[in-house]
N, C-alpha and C. Protein backbone atom coordinates (compact mmCIF):
# COMPACT_ATOMS: atom_id res chain seq x y z
N MET A 1 -93.41 203.15 166.23
CA MET A 1 -92.26 203.65 166.51
C MET A 1 -91.07 202.49 166.31
N LYS A 2 -91.31 201.40 167.01
CA LYS A 2 -90.56 200.26 166.70
C LYS A 2 -90.48 199.88 165.31
N HIS A 3 -91.47 199.95 164.58
CA HIS A 3 -91.40 199.42 163.23
C HIS A 3 -90.36 200.67 162.25
N LYS A 4 -90.57 201.69 162.66
CA LYS A 4 -89.70 202.72 161.89
C LYS A 4 -88.35 202.77 162.29
N ARG A 5 -88.03 202.39 163.49
CA ARG A 5 -86.57 201.98 163.84
C ARG A 5 -86.13 200.71 163.20
N LEU A 6 -87.06 199.74 163.14
CA LEU A 6 -86.36 198.44 162.36
C LEU A 6 -86.02 198.91 160.79
N ILE A 7 -86.98 199.67 160.31
CA ILE A 7 -86.92 199.93 158.83
C ILE A 7 -85.73 200.81 158.72
N LEU A 8 -85.33 201.72 159.48
CA LEU A 8 -84.13 202.37 159.44
C LEU A 8 -82.90 201.61 159.48
N CYS A 9 -82.90 200.61 160.45
CA CYS A 9 -81.61 199.74 160.82
C CYS A 9 -81.47 198.89 159.52
N LEU A 10 -82.72 198.40 159.08
CA LEU A 10 -82.47 197.42 157.96
C LEU A 10 -82.13 198.24 156.69
N SER A 11 -82.38 199.43 156.44
CA SER A 11 -82.12 200.28 155.32
C SER A 11 -80.54 200.70 155.47
N PHE A 12 -80.19 200.76 156.76
CA PHE A 12 -78.53 201.18 156.92
C PHE A 12 -77.88 199.74 156.70
N VAL A 13 -78.22 198.71 157.16
CA VAL A 13 -77.42 197.47 156.91
C VAL A 13 -77.46 197.15 155.26
N ILE A 14 -78.50 197.10 154.67
CA ILE A 14 -78.78 197.09 153.31
C ILE A 14 -77.70 198.04 152.35
N LEU A 15 -77.72 199.35 152.88
CA LEU A 15 -77.11 200.28 152.28
C LEU A 15 -75.52 200.00 152.56
N TYR A 16 -75.07 199.49 153.66
CA TYR A 16 -73.69 199.38 153.86
C TYR A 16 -73.38 198.08 153.35
N LEU A 17 -74.01 197.03 152.88
CA LEU A 17 -73.74 195.88 152.25
C LEU A 17 -73.48 196.26 150.67
N CYS A 18 -74.73 196.91 150.36
CA CYS A 18 -74.49 197.30 148.87
C CYS A 18 -73.29 198.22 148.22
N SER A 19 -73.03 199.11 149.16
CA SER A 19 -71.96 199.95 148.90
C SER A 19 -70.65 199.07 148.93
N TYR A 20 -70.46 198.02 149.79
CA TYR A 20 -69.20 197.45 149.79
C TYR A 20 -69.21 196.43 148.60
N LEU A 21 -70.28 195.97 148.18
CA LEU A 21 -70.53 195.13 147.00
C LEU A 21 -70.02 195.92 145.75
N ALA A 22 -70.53 197.28 145.68
CA ALA A 22 -70.04 198.02 144.47
C ALA A 22 -68.58 198.31 144.50
N LEU A 23 -68.06 198.72 145.70
CA LEU A 23 -66.56 198.84 145.57
C LEU A 23 -65.89 197.33 145.36
N SER A 24 -66.17 196.28 145.77
CA SER A 24 -65.64 195.06 145.43
C SER A 24 -65.79 194.74 144.13
N LEU A 25 -66.68 195.02 143.38
CA LEU A 25 -66.99 194.58 142.06
C LEU A 25 -65.69 195.52 141.11
N GLY A 26 -65.07 196.67 141.68
CA GLY A 26 -64.25 197.21 140.86
C GLY A 26 -63.02 196.89 141.50
N GLY A 27 -62.68 195.93 142.21
CA GLY A 27 -61.48 195.63 142.95
C GLY A 27 -60.49 194.95 142.20
N ALA A 28 -59.53 194.61 142.65
CA ALA A 28 -58.14 193.84 142.32
C ALA A 28 -57.31 193.29 143.21
N TYR A 29 -56.60 192.38 142.73
CA TYR A 29 -55.58 191.82 143.73
C TYR A 29 -54.45 192.68 143.48
N MET A 30 -53.87 193.02 144.53
CA MET A 30 -52.56 193.79 144.71
C MET A 30 -51.71 193.22 145.47
N PRO A 31 -50.16 193.60 145.18
CA PRO A 31 -49.04 192.76 145.92
C PRO A 31 -49.29 193.17 147.54
N PHE A 32 -49.16 191.90 148.08
CA PHE A 32 -49.27 192.15 149.73
C PHE A 32 -47.83 192.12 150.49
N SER A 33 -47.07 191.13 149.90
CA SER A 33 -45.59 190.99 150.45
C SER A 33 -44.69 190.68 149.55
N TYR A 34 -43.67 191.04 149.55
CA TYR A 34 -42.56 190.99 148.59
C TYR A 34 -41.21 190.18 149.40
N GLY A 35 -40.62 189.56 148.53
CA GLY A 35 -39.46 188.68 148.84
C GLY A 35 -38.32 188.92 148.04
N LEU A 36 -37.17 188.19 148.09
CA LEU A 36 -36.21 188.42 147.27
C LEU A 36 -36.38 188.17 145.82
N ASN A 37 -37.24 187.17 145.45
CA ASN A 37 -37.50 187.15 144.09
C ASN A 37 -38.55 187.70 143.44
N GLY A 38 -39.25 188.81 144.23
CA GLY A 38 -40.40 189.76 143.82
C GLY A 38 -41.60 189.36 144.77
N ILE A 39 -42.88 189.40 144.23
CA ILE A 39 -43.94 189.47 144.90
C ILE A 39 -44.17 187.98 145.44
N LYS A 40 -44.40 187.89 146.69
CA LYS A 40 -44.73 186.63 147.48
C LYS A 40 -46.32 186.27 147.49
N ASP A 41 -46.98 187.22 147.87
CA ASP A 41 -48.51 187.10 148.20
C ASP A 41 -49.18 188.37 147.43
N TRP A 42 -50.48 188.14 147.28
CA TRP A 42 -51.42 188.98 146.62
C TRP A 42 -52.54 189.13 147.70
N ALA A 43 -53.09 190.45 147.81
CA ALA A 43 -54.36 190.44 148.52
C ALA A 43 -55.34 191.26 147.82
N TRP A 44 -56.63 190.85 148.28
CA TRP A 44 -57.79 191.49 147.47
C TRP A 44 -57.89 192.89 148.04
N ALA A 45 -58.16 193.85 147.01
CA ALA A 45 -58.25 195.21 147.53
C ALA A 45 -59.44 195.88 146.68
N PRO A 46 -60.51 195.99 147.26
CA PRO A 46 -61.77 196.57 146.65
C PRO A 46 -61.41 198.14 146.02
N CYS A 47 -62.14 198.45 145.21
CA CYS A 47 -61.75 199.81 144.65
C CYS A 47 -61.83 200.97 145.75
N GLY A 48 -60.60 201.56 145.71
CA GLY A 48 -60.62 202.74 146.68
C GLY A 48 -59.93 202.39 147.98
N PHE A 49 -59.68 201.16 148.23
CA PHE A 49 -58.92 200.72 149.43
C PHE A 49 -57.47 201.02 149.35
N ARG A 50 -57.03 201.10 148.27
CA ARG A 50 -55.66 201.41 148.21
C ARG A 50 -55.48 202.33 147.14
N ASP A 51 -54.36 203.32 147.33
CA ASP A 51 -54.14 204.33 146.48
C ASP A 51 -53.30 203.82 145.28
N ASP A 52 -52.82 204.61 144.36
CA ASP A 52 -51.98 204.21 143.20
C ASP A 52 -50.77 203.87 143.48
N SER A 53 -50.25 204.36 144.67
CA SER A 53 -48.91 203.79 145.19
C SER A 53 -48.85 202.49 145.78
N GLY A 54 -50.04 201.87 146.17
CA GLY A 54 -50.20 200.64 146.92
C GLY A 54 -50.64 200.76 148.27
N ARG A 55 -50.45 202.05 149.05
CA ARG A 55 -50.94 202.38 150.31
C ARG A 55 -52.37 201.98 150.74
N TRP A 56 -52.55 201.42 151.67
CA TRP A 56 -54.04 201.19 152.22
C TRP A 56 -54.32 202.56 152.74
N ARG A 57 -55.84 202.89 152.50
CA ARG A 57 -56.45 203.94 152.84
C ARG A 57 -57.31 203.56 154.10
N ALA A 58 -56.74 204.00 155.17
CA ALA A 58 -57.31 203.43 156.58
C ALA A 58 -58.79 203.75 156.68
N GLY A 59 -59.35 204.86 156.34
CA GLY A 59 -60.75 205.13 156.49
C GLY A 59 -61.59 204.16 155.97
N LEU A 60 -61.45 203.66 154.78
CA LEU A 60 -62.30 202.66 154.15
C LEU A 60 -62.18 201.52 154.68
N VAL A 61 -60.80 201.10 154.98
CA VAL A 61 -60.59 199.73 155.38
C VAL A 61 -61.25 199.59 157.00
N ILE A 62 -61.10 200.61 157.71
CA ILE A 62 -61.66 200.64 158.97
C ILE A 62 -63.30 200.59 159.01
N ALA A 63 -63.84 201.44 158.08
CA ALA A 63 -65.33 201.53 157.82
C ALA A 63 -65.88 200.13 157.35
N PHE A 64 -65.14 199.33 156.42
CA PHE A 64 -65.82 198.17 156.02
C PHE A 64 -64.97 196.87 156.41
N TYR A 65 -64.33 197.03 157.47
CA TYR A 65 -63.34 195.95 157.96
C TYR A 65 -64.11 194.66 158.12
N PRO A 66 -65.37 194.49 158.81
CA PRO A 66 -65.97 193.30 158.99
C PRO A 66 -66.36 192.47 157.46
N LEU A 67 -66.94 193.44 156.59
CA LEU A 67 -67.06 192.75 155.29
C LEU A 67 -65.82 192.52 154.51
N TYR A 68 -64.89 193.40 154.82
CA TYR A 68 -63.55 192.99 154.16
C TYR A 68 -62.70 191.74 154.63
N TRP A 69 -63.02 191.47 155.87
CA TRP A 69 -62.49 190.20 156.45
C TRP A 69 -63.20 189.14 155.94
N ILE A 70 -64.48 188.94 155.91
CA ILE A 70 -65.39 188.01 155.22
C ILE A 70 -64.99 187.69 154.01
N ASP A 71 -65.17 188.92 153.13
CA ASP A 71 -64.70 188.67 151.66
C ASP A 71 -63.44 188.08 151.43
N SER A 72 -62.26 188.56 151.89
CA SER A 72 -60.99 188.17 151.85
C SER A 72 -60.77 186.75 152.39
N ARG A 73 -61.68 186.12 153.22
CA ARG A 73 -61.40 184.79 153.99
C ARG A 73 -62.06 183.93 153.02
N TYR A 74 -63.34 184.31 152.59
CA TYR A 74 -64.19 183.16 152.01
C TYR A 74 -64.48 183.35 150.57
N TRP A 75 -64.16 184.57 150.08
CA TRP A 75 -64.45 184.77 148.53
C TRP A 75 -63.41 185.10 147.91
N HIS A 76 -62.81 186.02 148.08
CA HIS A 76 -61.55 186.52 147.43
C HIS A 76 -60.02 185.96 148.08
N ASP A 77 -60.07 184.82 148.38
CA ASP A 77 -59.08 184.20 149.26
C ASP A 77 -57.79 183.62 148.37
N ASP A 78 -57.54 184.01 147.18
CA ASP A 78 -56.48 183.61 146.40
C ASP A 78 -55.32 184.25 146.53
N TRP A 79 -54.28 183.90 147.29
CA TRP A 79 -53.09 184.55 147.45
C TRP A 79 -52.14 184.62 146.36
N THR A 80 -52.55 183.71 145.29
CA THR A 80 -51.63 183.67 144.02
C THR A 80 -52.33 184.68 142.96
N ALA A 81 -53.40 185.17 143.25
CA ALA A 81 -54.21 186.24 142.49
C ALA A 81 -54.39 185.55 141.07
N SER A 82 -54.47 184.36 140.73
CA SER A 82 -54.72 183.52 139.59
C SER A 82 -56.05 183.69 139.34
N SER A 83 -57.22 183.93 139.90
CA SER A 83 -58.43 183.77 139.94
C SER A 83 -59.21 185.23 139.54
N GLY A 84 -58.51 186.17 139.53
CA GLY A 84 -59.14 187.63 139.13
C GLY A 84 -58.11 188.77 138.82
N PRO A 85 -58.59 189.68 138.57
CA PRO A 85 -57.72 190.92 138.03
C PRO A 85 -56.78 191.20 138.91
N LYS A 86 -55.49 191.73 138.45
CA LYS A 86 -54.26 192.12 139.17
C LYS A 86 -54.05 193.68 138.82
N LYS A 87 -53.43 194.19 139.80
CA LYS A 87 -53.29 195.61 139.63
C LYS A 87 -51.83 195.98 140.28
N MET A 88 -50.88 196.34 139.68
CA MET A 88 -49.57 196.79 140.32
C MET A 88 -49.52 198.12 140.63
N PRO A 89 -49.13 198.55 141.88
CA PRO A 89 -48.77 199.96 142.28
C PRO A 89 -48.12 200.66 141.36
N VAL A 90 -48.33 202.26 141.28
CA VAL A 90 -47.63 202.87 140.30
C VAL A 90 -46.22 203.15 141.06
N GLN A 91 -45.09 203.09 140.36
CA GLN A 91 -43.92 203.28 141.10
C GLN A 91 -43.38 204.61 141.13
N PRO A 92 -43.10 205.49 142.12
CA PRO A 92 -42.99 206.74 142.16
C PRO A 92 -41.54 207.18 141.23
N ARG A 93 -41.88 208.43 140.60
CA ARG A 93 -40.50 208.51 139.56
C ARG A 93 -39.50 209.24 140.41
N THR A 94 -38.19 208.88 140.02
CA THR A 94 -37.41 209.47 140.71
C THR A 94 -36.57 210.58 139.77
N VAL A 95 -36.21 211.62 140.45
CA VAL A 95 -35.85 212.89 139.69
C VAL A 95 -34.02 212.57 139.75
N ALA A 96 -33.52 212.71 138.61
CA ALA A 96 -32.01 212.82 138.71
C ALA A 96 -31.67 214.38 138.72
N LEU A 97 -30.77 214.28 139.47
CA LEU A 97 -30.29 216.01 139.87
C LEU A 97 -29.03 215.98 139.17
């Protein structure tokens, strides 16, 4: 019984890690903060963590927060975004009346 539980827990951990890695492979740096002269900082956003308008999706961020924290501190820690792909949020269209 203990072996089955151990195998189940290890399977869950491996699935959790692999799913984050798959999301991170499709990720990009997106603007994090803006200043008077434009973009000040960039933040790593794995695929699906942000929508096209640049808003964070809380469900994925909360679910993968431990791995995202480690990833953004030790692997994707380039706030200038010069070491990876960049993605700009889609600006909403304004309708002239």
